[in-house]
Structures are given as structure tokens and as C-alpha cells.
Protein backbone atom coordinates (compact mmCIF):
# COMPACT_ATOMS: atom_id res chain seq x y z
CA UNK A 1 -23.54 -13.71 30.34
CA UNK A 2 -25.92 -16.09 28.52
CA UNK A 3 -24.61 -19.51 28.28
CA UNK A 4 -24.81 -20.26 24.73
CA UNK A 5 -22.23 -16.74 25.07
CA UNK A 6 -19.95 -19.18 27.54
CA UNK A 7 -20.34 -22.35 25.57
CA UNK A 8 -19.58 -20.73 22.56
CA UNK A 9 -16.45 -19.04 24.19
CA UNK A 10 -15.05 -21.97 25.72
CA UNK A 11 -15.45 -23.70 22.52
CA UNK A 12 -13.77 -20.33 20.59
CA UNK A 13 -10.94 -20.51 23.12
CA UNK A 14 -9.90 -24.24 22.55
CA UNK A 15 -10.05 -24.14 18.93
CA UNK A 16 -9.08 -20.44 18.15
CA UNK A 17 -8.95 -18.04 20.59
CA UNK A 18 -5.94 -18.98 22.41
CA UNK A 19 -3.89 -19.22 19.53
CA UNK A 20 -5.10 -15.77 18.49
CA UNK A 21 -4.70 -14.22 21.47
CA UNK A 22 -1.05 -15.13 21.90
CA UNK A 23 0.08 -14.21 18.49
CA UNK A 24 -1.36 -10.37 19.54
CA UNK A 25 0.50 -10.47 22.85
CA UNK A 26 3.62 -11.45 21.10
CA UNK A 27 3.07 -8.76 18.63
CA UNK A 28 2.18 -6.20 21.69
CA UNK A 29 5.35 -7.37 23.13
CA UNK A 30 7.44 -6.85 20.36
CA UNK A 31 5.75 -3.17 19.98
CA UNK A 32 6.89 -2.15 24.02
CA UNK A 33 10.69 -2.47 22.50
CA UNK A 34 10.24 1.03 20.74
CA UNK A 35 8.88 3.73 22.85
CA UNK A 36 7.50 5.30 20.05
CA UNK A 37 5.45 2.11 19.27
CA UNK A 38 3.93 1.60 22.79
CA UNK A 39 0.26 3.05 21.76
CA UNK A 40 0.19 -0.11 19.34
CA UNK A 41 1.39 -2.37 21.99
CA UNK A 42 -1.35 -1.73 24.04
CA UNK A 43 -3.60 -1.83 21.52
CA UNK A 44 -2.62 -5.45 20.38
CA UNK A 45 -3.18 -6.57 24.02
CA UNK A 46 -6.77 -5.10 24.23
CA UNK A 47 -7.17 -7.19 20.90
CA UNK A 48 -5.64 -10.11 22.45
CA UNK A 49 -8.07 -9.78 25.45
CA UNK A 50 -11.01 -9.49 23.12
CA UNK A 51 -10.15 -12.53 21.20
CA UNK A 52 -10.03 -14.48 23.95
CA UNK A 53 -13.24 -14.17 24.98
CA UNK A 54 -15.26 -12.76 21.80
CA UNK A 55 -18.98 -13.75 22.38
CA UNK A 56 -20.95 -11.33 24.10
CA UNK A 57 -19.01 -8.27 23.59
CA UNK A 58 -18.26 -6.31 20.79
CA UNK A 59 -16.14 -2.76 20.22
CA UNK A 60 -17.49 0.75 19.73
CA UNK A 61 -15.50 4.04 18.70
CA UNK A 62 -14.79 5.90 21.45
CA UNK A 63 -16.13 9.82 21.09
CA UNK A 64 -12.99 11.53 22.97
CA UNK A 65 -10.11 9.71 20.39
CA UNK A 66 -8.66 13.00 18.35
CA UNK A 67 -6.23 13.22 15.56
CA UNK A 68 -3.53 11.03 17.32
CA UNK A 69 -5.33 8.41 17.17
CA UNK A 70 -6.18 8.72 13.73
CA UNK A 71 -2.90 9.10 12.76
CA UNK A 72 -2.02 6.30 14.58
CA UNK A 73 -4.60 4.20 12.78
CA UNK A 74 -3.20 5.16 9.13
CA UNK A 75 0.30 4.06 10.18
CA UNK A 76 -1.44 0.87 11.84
CA UNK A 77 -3.49 0.36 8.71
CA UNK A 78 -0.28 0.29 6.71
CA UNK A 79 1.80 -1.85 8.64
CA UNK A 80 -0.13 -4.39 10.40
CA UNK A 81 -4.13 -3.38 9.98
CA UNK A 82 -4.54 -4.98 6.32
CA UNK A 83 -2.83 -8.27 6.99
CA UNK A 84 -4.77 -9.00 9.90
CA UNK A 85 -7.84 -8.35 8.95
CA UNK A 86 -7.32 -10.40 6.06
CA UNK A 87 -6.19 -13.04 8.47
CA UNK A 88 -9.71 -12.87 10.06
CA UNK A 89 -11.91 -12.47 6.56
CA UNK A 90 -9.96 -15.52 5.40
CA UNK A 91 -10.29 -17.42 8.98
CA UNK A 92 -14.40 -16.13 8.71
CA UNK A 93 -14.43 -17.66 5.46
CA UNK A 94 -13.19 -21.07 6.19
CA UNK A 95 -15.13 -21.28 9.20
CA UNK A 96 -18.27 -20.67 7.53
CA UNK A 97 -17.96 -23.60 5.09
CA UNK A 98 -19.32 -25.61 7.78
CA UNK A 99 -22.23 -25.28 9.64
CA UNK A 100 -21.16 -25.99 13.39
CA UNK A 101 -18.15 -23.06 12.34
CA UNK A 102 -20.61 -20.23 11.41
CA UNK A 103 -20.57 -18.52 14.66
CA UNK A 104 -16.89 -18.68 14.98
CA UNK A 105 -17.09 -17.38 11.44
CA UNK A 106 -19.33 -14.19 12.32
CA UNK A 107 -16.83 -13.61 15.53
CA UNK A 108 -13.69 -13.30 12.81
CA UNK A 109 -15.64 -10.88 10.59
CA UNK A 110 -16.43 -9.17 13.73
CA UNK A 111 -13.08 -8.29 14.72
CA UNK A 112 -12.27 -7.18 11.43
CA UNK A 113 -13.01 -3.46 12.35
CA UNK A 114 -10.53 -3.62 15.93
CA UNK A 115 -7.67 -5.13 13.48
CA UNK A 116 -7.77 -2.51 10.79
CA UNK A 117 -8.10 0.22 13.33
CA UNK A 118 -7.82 -0.63 16.86
CA UNK A 119 -6.88 3.10 18.12
CA UNK A 120 -9.38 5.12 19.16
CA UNK A 121 -11.99 2.25 19.89
CA UNK A 122 -13.48 0.02 23.12
CA UNK A 123 -14.47 -3.23 23.83
CA UNK A 124 -17.75 -2.99 25.78
CA UNK A 125 -20.32 -6.13 26.35
CA UNK A 126 -23.52 -6.29 24.40
CA UNK A 127 -25.85 -6.87 27.43
């Protein structure tokens, strides 16, 4: 990991990442209450992991994702995805209003695709 990514991740964790990860983890725990929503709970935990330490990582679509992921993403999009993506967009704009916050704003914009449609995506390192 590049030293700049380490510094950005530590600052991100302190000012924004920990709170976002807690939110996604609580959402994941709530989804484990009902058996049918467990796949979305797992996706929430995956996103929580990503928002803790986003610099130096990205998300890619999994080629083996099938029709179940597509249907699950439609349901997620309607009930949670739009609101989560809007939250990341608003936070990203807010961070970008300051010069120091621009990298954190870009990180928020980078999280929009996985917050919109998390099933059938995986988190990988950029290196």
C-alpha cells in the first residue's frame, strides 16, 4: 500500500469511515433478522468493510453474477440503494467544497456504484 493511501485511510477512518461502517453494519445486522434478507445483510457487511478503508481499493463486477443478483439488486435499489447513493453523493459534494476534502469527496463518489447495486460486485485492491 502506498504511504499516501495509508494516510488518507487513517484520516478517512477518523472523520467519516468509522461512522459509515457502523451504519452499514447495523443495517446488515437488521437484515439478518429475516432469513430472506440475509444476502443483503452480507452485502451491507461487505460495504462496511469497504467504507472503513477505501483508498487503494475499488469495486468490480463479478462475471459469474447471475439473474438472482440482478433481481436482488433491483429490490435493494428500490428500498435502500437510491437513498444510500444519494447520501454518498451529498457527502461527496460537501467534502469537495474544501480543497483538503476533495480526496474524501472522490472516495464518496467511488462508493455510489456499490451502494446502488451491491450484489454481483467484489472489492479488490488497485495494485
